[in-house]
Amino acid sequence: MGTSVTISAATDQEAEQILKLQYLCYQQEAALHDDYGIEPLTQTLQALRAELGEGCVVVARLGEEVVGSVRGTVGEDGTARIAKLIVHPRLRRHGLGGRLLDAVERRLADEHAALRYRLFAGQRDGNLRLYRSHGYAPVATGESGSRRGVVTLEKDAVRQVAPVAAPAGPGVGELAAQA
């Protein structure tokens, strides 16, 4: 019997699994930049647990195993910063990253009133295609620590507006007929 991937809010009990997956997923980036001191590889379990309590953390699960995760926080100006989108290497290229991105955006807009989303990626990051396909556009480039060519991408949050009910009474056609 097969198990499908489910996506929902992370729990404190999953912190250790998230941290281990993060460590696995950021090895390639560390090698690319020859910098194994990057924050995702040095983050402590205590710091991750603090993030779970302060922001929006979404996980993808395959059965009981955490196979993906993404985090977001919303600033006072309504800008949501999305970070640490990770997918287990054996499950990449199957749309899971896009599903996680959609889920965190939805939660940040619905539960935290995000007006726009911002994320950062390396110019050689394989996720740039994913971000662009989800409506993100580059707004700046720069450097971050030892990382060269960091791209800042943004997009506006899409608000779901409920249709306005038509007022009771005669319709437009009926008004014209009465005139």
N, C-alpha and C. Protein backbone atom coordinates (compact mmCIF):
# COMPACT_ATOMS: atom_id res chain seq x y z
N MET A 1 0.84 -1.17 0.00
CA MET A 1 0.00 0.00 0.00
C MET A 1 0.88 1.23 0.00
N GLY A 2 0.67 2.16 -0.94
CA GLY A 2 1.47 3.36 -1.07
C GLY A 2 1.07 4.42 -0.07
N THR A 3 1.98 5.31 0.21
CA THR A 3 1.73 6.42 1.11
C THR A 3 1.90 7.71 0.31
N SER A 4 0.97 8.63 0.45
CA SER A 4 1.09 9.88 -0.28
C SER A 4 1.68 10.96 0.63
N VAL A 5 2.22 11.97 0.01
CA VAL A 5 2.82 13.08 0.74
C VAL A 5 1.71 14.02 1.20
N THR A 6 1.74 14.38 2.48
CA THR A 6 0.78 15.34 3.03
C THR A 6 1.55 16.59 3.46
N ILE A 7 0.89 17.72 3.39
CA ILE A 7 1.50 18.99 3.76
C ILE A 7 0.64 19.67 4.80
N SER A 8 1.27 20.09 5.90
CA SER A 8 0.56 20.79 6.97
C SER A 8 1.56 21.53 7.85
N ALA A 9 1.03 22.20 8.88
CA ALA A 9 1.88 22.94 9.80
C ALA A 9 2.82 21.99 10.54
N ALA A 10 4.03 22.45 10.77
CA ALA A 10 5.01 21.66 11.51
C ALA A 10 4.66 21.67 12.99
N THR A 11 5.08 20.62 13.67
CA THR A 11 4.91 20.55 15.11
C THR A 11 6.28 20.57 15.77
N ASP A 12 6.30 20.89 17.04
CA ASP A 12 7.56 20.91 17.78
C ASP A 12 8.24 19.54 17.80
N GLN A 13 7.43 18.49 17.75
CA GLN A 13 7.99 17.14 17.77
C GLN A 13 8.76 16.82 16.48
N GLU A 14 8.55 17.59 15.43
CA GLU A 14 9.23 17.35 14.16
C GLU A 14 10.51 18.17 14.01
N ALA A 15 10.83 18.97 15.00
CA ALA A 15 11.99 19.87 14.90
C ALA A 15 13.28 19.12 14.57
N GLU A 16 13.52 18.02 15.22
CA GLU A 16 14.76 17.28 14.99
C GLU A 16 14.81 16.73 13.56
N GLN A 17 13.69 16.20 13.06
CA GLN A 17 13.65 15.71 11.68
C GLN A 17 13.89 16.84 10.68
N ILE A 18 13.30 18.00 10.94
CA ILE A 18 13.48 19.15 10.05
C ILE A 18 14.95 19.56 10.03
N LEU A 19 15.57 19.61 11.21
CA LEU A 19 16.96 20.02 11.28
C LEU A 19 17.88 19.05 10.54
N LYS A 20 17.64 17.76 10.68
CA LYS A 20 18.45 16.75 9.98
C LYS A 20 18.26 16.88 8.45
N LEU A 21 17.02 17.09 8.02
CA LEU A 21 16.76 17.25 6.59
C LEU A 21 17.41 18.52 6.06
N GLN A 22 17.34 19.58 6.85
CA GLN A 22 17.98 20.84 6.47
C GLN A 22 19.47 20.65 6.28
N TYR A 23 20.09 19.94 7.20
CA TYR A 23 21.52 19.67 7.12
C TYR A 23 21.85 18.90 5.85
N LEU A 24 21.06 17.90 5.55
CA LEU A 24 21.27 17.11 4.32
C LEU A 24 21.11 17.97 3.07
N CYS A 25 20.06 18.77 3.04
CA CYS A 25 19.74 19.54 1.84
C CYS A 25 20.71 20.68 1.56
N TYR A 26 21.31 21.24 2.58
CA TYR A 26 22.21 22.39 2.37
C TYR A 26 23.67 21.99 2.12
N GLN A 27 23.96 20.69 2.11
CA GLN A 27 25.33 20.26 1.82
C GLN A 27 25.77 20.70 0.42
N GLN A 28 24.88 20.57 -0.55
CA GLN A 28 25.21 20.93 -1.92
C GLN A 28 25.50 22.43 -2.04
N GLU A 29 24.70 23.26 -1.40
CA GLU A 29 24.94 24.70 -1.45
C GLU A 29 26.26 25.06 -0.76
N ALA A 30 26.54 24.42 0.35
CA ALA A 30 27.79 24.68 1.06
C ALA A 30 28.98 24.32 0.17
N ALA A 31 28.90 23.21 -0.52
CA ALA A 31 29.98 22.80 -1.42
C ALA A 31 30.12 23.77 -2.59
N LEU A 32 29.00 24.22 -3.13
CA LEU A 32 29.00 25.14 -4.25
C LEU A 32 29.72 26.44 -3.90
N HIS A 33 29.53 26.92 -2.68
CA HIS A 33 30.12 28.18 -2.24
C HIS A 33 31.36 27.97 -1.38
N ASP A 34 31.75 26.71 -1.19
CA ASP A 34 32.89 26.36 -0.35
C ASP A 34 32.79 27.04 1.01
N ASP A 35 31.60 26.94 1.60
CA ASP A 35 31.35 27.57 2.89
C ASP A 35 30.43 26.66 3.71
N TYR A 36 31.02 25.88 4.61
CA TYR A 36 30.24 24.97 5.44
C TYR A 36 29.82 25.63 6.76
N GLY A 37 30.03 26.93 6.86
CA GLY A 37 29.61 27.67 8.04
C GLY A 37 28.31 28.42 7.82
N ILE A 38 27.59 28.10 6.74
CA ILE A 38 26.33 28.80 6.48
C ILE A 38 25.31 28.47 7.56
N GLU A 39 24.42 29.39 7.81
CA GLU A 39 23.48 29.28 8.92
C GLU A 39 22.64 28.00 8.89
N PRO A 40 22.15 27.54 7.75
CA PRO A 40 21.37 26.29 7.79
C PRO A 40 22.16 25.08 8.29
N LEU A 41 23.49 25.11 8.17
CA LEU A 41 24.31 24.00 8.64
C LEU A 41 24.77 24.18 10.08
N THR A 42 24.64 25.38 10.61
CA THR A 42 25.09 25.64 11.99
C THR A 42 23.93 25.91 12.94
N GLN A 43 22.71 25.97 12.44
CA GLN A 43 21.56 26.26 13.27
C GLN A 43 21.40 25.17 14.33
N THR A 44 21.07 25.58 15.53
CA THR A 44 20.87 24.63 16.63
C THR A 44 19.40 24.19 16.68
N LEU A 45 19.17 23.09 17.36
CA LEU A 45 17.81 22.60 17.56
C LEU A 45 17.00 23.62 18.35
N GLN A 46 17.63 24.25 19.31
CA GLN A 46 16.95 25.27 20.11
C GLN A 46 16.52 26.45 19.24
N ALA A 47 17.38 26.89 18.32
CA ALA A 47 17.03 28.00 17.43
C ALA A 47 15.89 27.62 16.49
N LEU A 48 15.92 26.39 16.01
CA LEU A 48 14.84 25.93 15.14
C LEU A 48 13.52 25.87 15.90
N ARG A 49 13.56 25.39 17.12
CA ARG A 49 12.33 25.34 17.93
C ARG A 49 11.77 26.75 18.15
N ALA A 50 12.65 27.73 18.31
CA ALA A 50 12.20 29.11 18.46
C ALA A 50 11.49 29.57 17.18
N GLU A 51 12.04 29.20 16.01
CA GLU A 51 11.40 29.54 14.74
C GLU A 51 10.02 28.90 14.62
N LEU A 52 9.89 27.67 15.10
CA LEU A 52 8.60 26.99 15.06
C LEU A 52 7.55 27.76 15.86
N GLY A 53 7.98 28.36 16.96
CA GLY A 53 7.05 29.10 17.81
C GLY A 53 6.75 30.50 17.32
N GLU A 54 7.65 31.08 16.55
CA GLU A 54 7.50 32.48 16.15
C GLU A 54 6.91 32.67 14.76
N GLY A 55 7.16 31.76 13.86
CA GLY A 55 6.76 31.97 12.48
C GLY A 55 5.83 30.90 11.98
N CYS A 56 5.80 30.80 10.68
CA CYS A 56 4.97 29.82 9.99
C CYS A 56 5.91 28.78 9.39
N VAL A 57 5.81 27.55 9.85
CA VAL A 57 6.66 26.47 9.35
C VAL A 57 5.73 25.37 8.82
N VAL A 58 5.95 24.99 7.58
CA VAL A 58 5.13 23.98 6.92
C VAL A 58 6.04 22.80 6.58
N VAL A 59 5.52 21.60 6.75
CA VAL A 59 6.29 20.40 6.42
C VAL A 59 5.51 19.51 5.45
N ALA A 60 6.27 18.74 4.71
CA ALA A 60 5.71 17.67 3.87
C ALA A 60 6.10 16.37 4.54
N ARG A 61 5.15 15.47 4.66
CA ARG A 61 5.40 14.19 5.31
C ARG A 61 5.08 13.05 4.34
N LEU A 62 5.91 12.06 4.36
CA LEU A 62 5.67 10.81 3.66
C LEU A 62 5.54 9.77 4.77
N GLY A 63 4.31 9.45 5.11
CA GLY A 63 4.08 8.66 6.32
C GLY A 63 4.46 9.50 7.52
N GLU A 64 5.37 9.00 8.34
CA GLU A 64 5.83 9.72 9.53
C GLU A 64 7.11 10.52 9.26
N GLU A 65 7.69 10.35 8.08
CA GLU A 65 8.97 11.00 7.76
C GLU A 65 8.76 12.40 7.18
N VAL A 66 9.47 13.38 7.73
CA VAL A 66 9.46 14.72 7.17
C VAL A 66 10.38 14.71 5.95
N VAL A 67 9.81 15.03 4.77
CA VAL A 67 10.57 14.98 3.51
C VAL A 67 10.69 16.35 2.86
N GLY A 68 10.13 17.38 3.49
CA GLY A 68 10.24 18.73 2.96
C GLY A 68 9.79 19.72 4.00
N SER A 69 10.23 20.96 3.83
CA SER A 69 9.86 22.00 4.78
C SER A 69 10.12 23.38 4.17
N VAL A 70 9.42 24.37 4.69
CA VAL A 70 9.65 25.77 4.32
C VAL A 70 9.17 26.63 5.48
N ARG A 71 9.77 27.81 5.62
CA ARG A 71 9.44 28.70 6.73
C ARG A 71 9.12 30.09 6.23
N GLY A 72 8.33 30.80 7.01
CA GLY A 72 8.01 32.18 6.66
C GLY A 72 7.67 32.99 7.88
N THR A 73 7.96 34.28 7.79
CA THR A 73 7.59 35.24 8.82
C THR A 73 7.08 36.49 8.12
N VAL A 74 6.23 37.25 8.79
CA VAL A 74 5.68 38.47 8.21
C VAL A 74 6.11 39.65 9.06
N GLY A 75 6.70 40.65 8.40
CA GLY A 75 7.13 41.86 9.08
C GLY A 75 5.98 42.84 9.25
N GLU A 76 6.25 43.92 9.97
CA GLU A 76 5.22 44.92 10.25
C GLU A 76 4.68 45.57 9.00
N ASP A 77 5.48 45.61 7.93
CA ASP A 77 5.02 46.24 6.68
C ASP A 77 4.22 45.28 5.81
N GLY A 78 3.98 44.05 6.30
CA GLY A 78 3.20 43.08 5.55
C GLY A 78 4.01 42.23 4.59
N THR A 79 5.34 42.41 4.58
CA THR A 79 6.19 41.61 3.71
C THR A 79 6.54 40.30 4.39
N ALA A 80 6.20 39.20 3.73
CA ALA A 80 6.52 37.88 4.25
C ALA A 80 7.87 37.46 3.69
N ARG A 81 8.74 37.01 4.56
CA ARG A 81 10.04 36.50 4.13
C ARG A 81 9.97 34.98 4.18
N ILE A 82 10.14 34.36 3.02
CA ILE A 82 10.08 32.91 2.91
C ILE A 82 11.51 32.39 2.85
N ALA A 83 11.79 31.35 3.61
CA ALA A 83 13.17 30.86 3.71
C ALA A 83 13.21 29.35 3.88
N LYS A 84 14.37 28.81 3.59
CA LYS A 84 14.71 27.41 3.83
C LYS A 84 13.70 26.45 3.23
N LEU A 85 13.41 26.61 1.95
CA LEU A 85 12.59 25.65 1.24
C LEU A 85 13.48 24.44 0.93
N ILE A 86 13.14 23.32 1.55
CA ILE A 86 13.97 22.10 1.38
C ILE A 86 13.09 20.91 1.03
N VAL A 87 13.62 20.05 0.17
CA VAL A 87 12.96 18.81 -0.20
C VAL A 87 14.03 17.72 -0.20
N HIS A 88 13.69 16.59 0.38
CA HIS A 88 14.64 15.47 0.43
C HIS A 88 15.13 15.17 -0.99
N PRO A 89 16.43 14.95 -1.17
CA PRO A 89 16.98 14.71 -2.52
C PRO A 89 16.27 13.61 -3.30
N ARG A 90 15.78 12.58 -2.65
CA ARG A 90 15.14 11.48 -3.40
C ARG A 90 13.74 11.86 -3.91
N LEU A 91 13.19 12.98 -3.43
CA LEU A 91 11.85 13.40 -3.85
C LEU A 91 11.84 14.68 -4.68
N ARG A 92 13.00 15.15 -5.06
CA ARG A 92 13.06 16.38 -5.86
C ARG A 92 12.56 16.12 -7.28
N ARG A 93 12.14 17.19 -7.93
CA ARG A 93 11.68 17.17 -9.32
C ARG A 93 10.33 16.45 -9.48
N HIS A 94 9.52 16.49 -8.40
CA HIS A 94 8.19 15.88 -8.46
C HIS A 94 7.11 16.89 -8.06
N GLY A 95 7.45 18.17 -7.98
CA GLY A 95 6.46 19.20 -7.66
C GLY A 95 6.27 19.48 -6.18
N LEU A 96 7.03 18.81 -5.33
CA LEU A 96 6.84 18.99 -3.90
C LEU A 96 7.27 20.38 -3.44
N GLY A 97 8.34 20.91 -4.00
CA GLY A 97 8.78 22.26 -3.64
C GLY A 97 7.70 23.29 -3.96
N GLY A 98 7.07 23.17 -5.10
CA GLY A 98 5.98 24.08 -5.47
C GLY A 98 4.79 23.96 -4.55
N ARG A 99 4.48 22.74 -4.14
CA ARG A 99 3.36 22.53 -3.21
C ARG A 99 3.67 23.16 -1.86
N LEU A 100 4.91 23.02 -1.40
CA LEU A 100 5.30 23.64 -0.13
C LEU A 100 5.24 25.16 -0.23
N LEU A 101 5.72 25.70 -1.33
CA LEU A 101 5.71 27.15 -1.53
C LEU A 101 4.27 27.67 -1.53
N ASP A 102 3.38 27.00 -2.25
CA ASP A 102 1.96 27.40 -2.26
C ASP A 102 1.36 27.34 -0.86
N ALA A 103 1.69 26.30 -0.11
CA ALA A 103 1.12 26.13 1.24
C ALA A 103 1.58 27.22 2.19
N VAL A 104 2.87 27.56 2.16
CA VAL A 104 3.34 28.59 3.08
C VAL A 104 2.81 29.96 2.67
N GLU A 105 2.70 30.23 1.38
CA GLU A 105 2.13 31.50 0.93
C GLU A 105 0.68 31.63 1.42
N ARG A 106 -0.09 30.58 1.25
CA ARG A 106 -1.49 30.60 1.67
C ARG A 106 -1.61 30.87 3.17
N ARG A 107 -0.81 30.18 3.96
CA ARG A 107 -0.87 30.38 5.42
C ARG A 107 -0.41 31.78 5.80
N LEU A 108 0.64 32.28 5.16
CA LEU A 108 1.13 33.62 5.49
C LEU A 108 0.10 34.69 5.15
N ALA A 109 -0.62 34.51 4.05
CA ALA A 109 -1.66 35.47 3.67
C ALA A 109 -2.88 35.35 4.58
N ASP A 110 -3.35 34.13 4.79
CA ASP A 110 -4.58 33.92 5.55
C ASP A 110 -4.43 34.17 7.04
N GLU A 111 -3.33 33.70 7.62
CA GLU A 111 -3.17 33.75 9.07
C GLU A 111 -2.31 34.91 9.56
N HIS A 112 -1.51 35.49 8.68
CA HIS A 112 -0.58 36.53 9.11
C HIS A 112 -0.69 37.81 8.27
N ALA A 113 -1.70 37.91 7.41
CA ALA A 113 -2.00 39.10 6.61
C ALA A 113 -0.84 39.56 5.73
N ALA A 114 -0.12 38.63 5.13
CA ALA A 114 0.98 39.00 4.23
C ALA A 114 0.43 39.75 3.02
N LEU A 115 1.12 40.81 2.63
CA LEU A 115 0.75 41.59 1.45
C LEU A 115 1.63 41.26 0.25
N ARG A 116 2.85 40.83 0.55
CA ARG A 116 3.79 40.44 -0.51
C ARG A 116 4.73 39.40 0.06
N TYR A 117 5.38 38.68 -0.84
CA TYR A 117 6.33 37.64 -0.44
C TYR A 117 7.71 38.00 -0.96
N ARG A 118 8.72 37.72 -0.16
CA ARG A 118 10.11 37.97 -0.56
C ARG A 118 10.93 36.73 -0.19
N LEU A 119 11.80 36.35 -1.10
CA LEU A 119 12.73 35.26 -0.81
C LEU A 119 14.06 35.55 -1.49
N PHE A 120 15.07 34.81 -1.09
CA PHE A 120 16.43 35.00 -1.58
C PHE A 120 16.94 33.69 -2.14
N ALA A 121 17.67 33.79 -3.23
CA ALA A 121 18.25 32.59 -3.85
C ALA A 121 19.57 32.97 -4.50
N GLY A 122 20.45 31.99 -4.62
CA GLY A 122 21.69 32.22 -5.34
C GLY A 122 21.42 32.26 -6.83
N GLN A 123 22.22 33.03 -7.57
CA GLN A 123 22.03 33.13 -9.02
C GLN A 123 22.19 31.79 -9.71
N ARG A 124 22.92 30.88 -9.09
CA ARG A 124 23.10 29.54 -9.65
C ARG A 124 22.17 28.52 -8.99
N ASP A 125 21.23 29.01 -8.19
CA ASP A 125 20.31 28.14 -7.47
C ASP A 125 19.33 27.49 -8.44
N GLY A 126 19.18 26.20 -8.35
CA GLY A 126 18.24 25.48 -9.19
C GLY A 126 16.79 25.85 -8.93
N ASN A 127 16.51 26.48 -7.79
CA ASN A 127 15.14 26.86 -7.46
C ASN A 127 14.67 28.12 -8.17
N LEU A 128 15.55 28.85 -8.84
CA LEU A 128 15.12 30.07 -9.53
C LEU A 128 13.99 29.79 -10.51
N ARG A 129 14.08 28.69 -11.23
CA ARG A 129 13.02 28.34 -12.18
C ARG A 129 11.71 28.12 -11.44
N LEU A 130 11.76 27.43 -10.31
CA LEU A 130 10.57 27.20 -9.50
C LEU A 130 9.95 28.52 -9.06
N TYR A 131 10.78 29.40 -8.52
CA TYR A 131 10.27 30.68 -8.01
C TYR A 131 9.64 31.50 -9.13
N ARG A 132 10.29 31.55 -10.27
CA ARG A 132 9.74 32.31 -11.40
C ARG A 132 8.42 31.70 -11.86
N SER A 133 8.33 30.39 -11.88
CA SER A 133 7.09 29.75 -12.33
C SER A 133 5.94 29.99 -11.35
N HIS A 134 6.26 30.40 -10.13
CA HIS A 134 5.24 30.73 -9.14
C HIS A 134 5.01 32.24 -9.02
N GLY A 135 5.49 32.99 -10.01
CA GLY A 135 5.19 34.42 -10.08
C GLY A 135 6.19 35.35 -9.44
N TYR A 136 7.29 34.84 -8.95
CA TYR A 136 8.31 35.69 -8.34
C TYR A 136 9.15 36.36 -9.43
N ALA A 137 9.51 37.61 -9.17
CA ALA A 137 10.35 38.34 -10.11
C ALA A 137 11.55 38.90 -9.35
N PRO A 138 12.73 38.91 -9.99
CA PRO A 138 13.91 39.48 -9.33
C PRO A 138 13.73 40.98 -9.11
N VAL A 139 14.10 41.44 -7.92
CA VAL A 139 14.03 42.88 -7.62
C VAL A 139 15.38 43.45 -7.23
N ALA A 140 16.35 42.59 -6.93
CA ALA A 140 17.69 43.06 -6.55
C ALA A 140 18.67 41.89 -6.59
N THR A 141 19.94 42.24 -6.73
CA THR A 141 21.01 41.25 -6.61
C THR A 141 22.05 41.81 -5.64
N GLY A 142 22.81 40.95 -5.05
CA GLY A 142 23.83 41.39 -4.11
C GLY A 142 24.62 40.22 -3.60
N GLU A 143 25.21 40.39 -2.42
CA GLU A 143 26.01 39.34 -1.78
C GLU A 143 25.50 39.14 -0.37
N SER A 144 25.71 37.94 0.14
CA SER A 144 25.34 37.62 1.51
C SER A 144 26.46 36.78 2.10
N GLY A 145 27.26 37.37 2.95
CA GLY A 145 28.39 36.65 3.53
C GLY A 145 29.34 36.22 2.43
N SER A 146 29.66 34.94 2.38
CA SER A 146 30.56 34.44 1.35
C SER A 146 29.81 34.07 0.07
N ARG A 147 28.48 34.17 0.09
CA ARG A 147 27.69 33.84 -1.10
C ARG A 147 27.73 34.99 -2.08
N ARG A 148 28.07 34.69 -3.30
CA ARG A 148 28.09 35.68 -4.37
C ARG A 148 26.82 35.54 -5.18
N GLY A 149 26.35 36.65 -5.71
CA GLY A 149 25.22 36.61 -6.62
C GLY A 149 23.92 36.15 -6.00
N VAL A 150 23.53 36.78 -4.89
CA VAL A 150 22.25 36.46 -4.27
C VAL A 150 21.17 37.30 -4.94
N VAL A 151 20.10 36.66 -5.33
CA VAL A 151 18.98 37.33 -5.99
C VAL A 151 17.83 37.45 -4.99
N THR A 152 17.26 38.66 -4.89
CA THR A 152 16.06 38.87 -4.10
C THR A 152 14.89 38.83 -5.07
N LEU A 153 13.90 37.99 -4.76
CA LEU A 153 12.72 37.85 -5.60
C LEU A 153 11.49 38.21 -4.78
N GLU A 154 10.49 38.80 -5.44
CA GLU A 154 9.26 39.18 -4.75
C GLU A 154 8.05 38.93 -5.63
N LYS A 155 6.92 38.86 -4.97
CA LYS A 155 5.63 38.88 -5.67
C LYS A 155 4.59 39.35 -4.67
N ASP A 156 3.50 39.91 -5.19
CA ASP A 156 2.41 40.36 -4.34
C ASP A 156 1.56 39.18 -3.93
N ALA A 157 0.99 39.28 -2.74
CA ALA A 157 0.06 38.25 -2.27
C ALA A 157 -1.25 38.44 -3.01
N VAL A 158 -1.87 37.36 -3.37
CA VAL A 158 -3.16 37.41 -4.04
C VAL A 158 -4.23 37.21 -2.98
N ARG A 159 -5.08 38.18 -2.86
CA ARG A 159 -6.17 38.10 -1.88
C ARG A 159 -7.38 37.48 -2.54
N GLN A 160 -8.02 36.56 -1.85
CA GLN A 160 -9.27 35.99 -2.33
C GLN A 160 -10.39 36.89 -1.86
N VAL A 161 -11.06 37.52 -2.78
CA VAL A 161 -12.15 38.43 -2.44
C VAL A 161 -13.46 37.73 -2.73
N ALA A 162 -14.32 37.70 -1.73
CA ALA A 162 -15.63 37.08 -1.90
C ALA A 162 -16.47 37.96 -2.83
N PRO A 163 -17.24 37.36 -3.73
CA PRO A 163 -18.07 38.17 -4.62
C PRO A 163 -19.09 38.95 -3.81
N VAL A 164 -19.35 40.16 -4.26
CA VAL A 164 -20.32 41.02 -3.60
C VAL A 164 -21.70 40.60 -4.06
N ALA A 165 -22.59 40.37 -3.12
CA ALA A 165 -23.96 39.96 -3.45
C ALA A 165 -24.69 41.15 -4.05
N ALA A 166 -25.49 40.90 -5.06
CA ALA A 166 -26.28 41.95 -5.69
C ALA A 166 -27.36 42.39 -4.70
N PRO A 167 -27.63 43.70 -4.64
CA PRO A 167 -28.67 44.17 -3.72
C PRO A 167 -30.04 43.63 -4.14
N ALA A 168 -30.89 43.46 -3.16
CA ALA A 168 -32.24 43.00 -3.45
C ALA A 168 -32.99 44.09 -4.20
N GLY A 169 -33.91 43.75 -5.00
CA GLY A 169 -34.68 44.73 -5.75
C GLY A 169 -34.56 44.46 -7.23
N PRO A 170 -35.06 45.38 -8.03
CA PRO A 170 -35.06 45.16 -9.48
C PRO A 170 -33.65 45.15 -10.04
N GLY A 171 -33.43 44.30 -11.05
CA GLY A 171 -32.14 44.25 -11.72
C GLY A 171 -32.00 45.40 -12.68
N VAL A 172 -30.82 45.53 -13.30
CA VAL A 172 -30.55 46.62 -14.22
C VAL A 172 -31.55 46.61 -15.37
N GLY A 173 -31.82 45.46 -15.92
CA GLY A 173 -32.77 45.36 -17.02
C GLY A 173 -34.16 45.81 -16.60
N GLU A 174 -34.54 45.46 -15.38
CA GLU A 174 -35.85 45.83 -14.90
C GLU A 174 -35.94 47.32 -14.67
N LEU A 175 -34.83 47.97 -14.21
CA LEU A 175 -34.85 49.42 -14.03
C LEU A 175 -35.05 50.12 -15.36
N ALA A 176 -34.33 49.64 -16.39
CA ALA A 176 -34.45 50.27 -17.70
C ALA A 176 -35.87 50.13 -18.22
N ALA A 177 -36.52 49.00 -17.95
CA ALA A 177 -37.87 48.78 -18.44
C ALA A 177 -38.85 49.67 -17.70
N GLN A 178 -38.53 50.00 -16.42
CA GLN A 178 -39.43 50.84 -15.65
C GLN A 178 -39.31 52.30 -16.02
N ALA A 179 -38.17 52.73 -16.57
CA ALA A 179 -37.91 54.14 -16.85
C ALA A 179 -38.70 54.65 -18.03
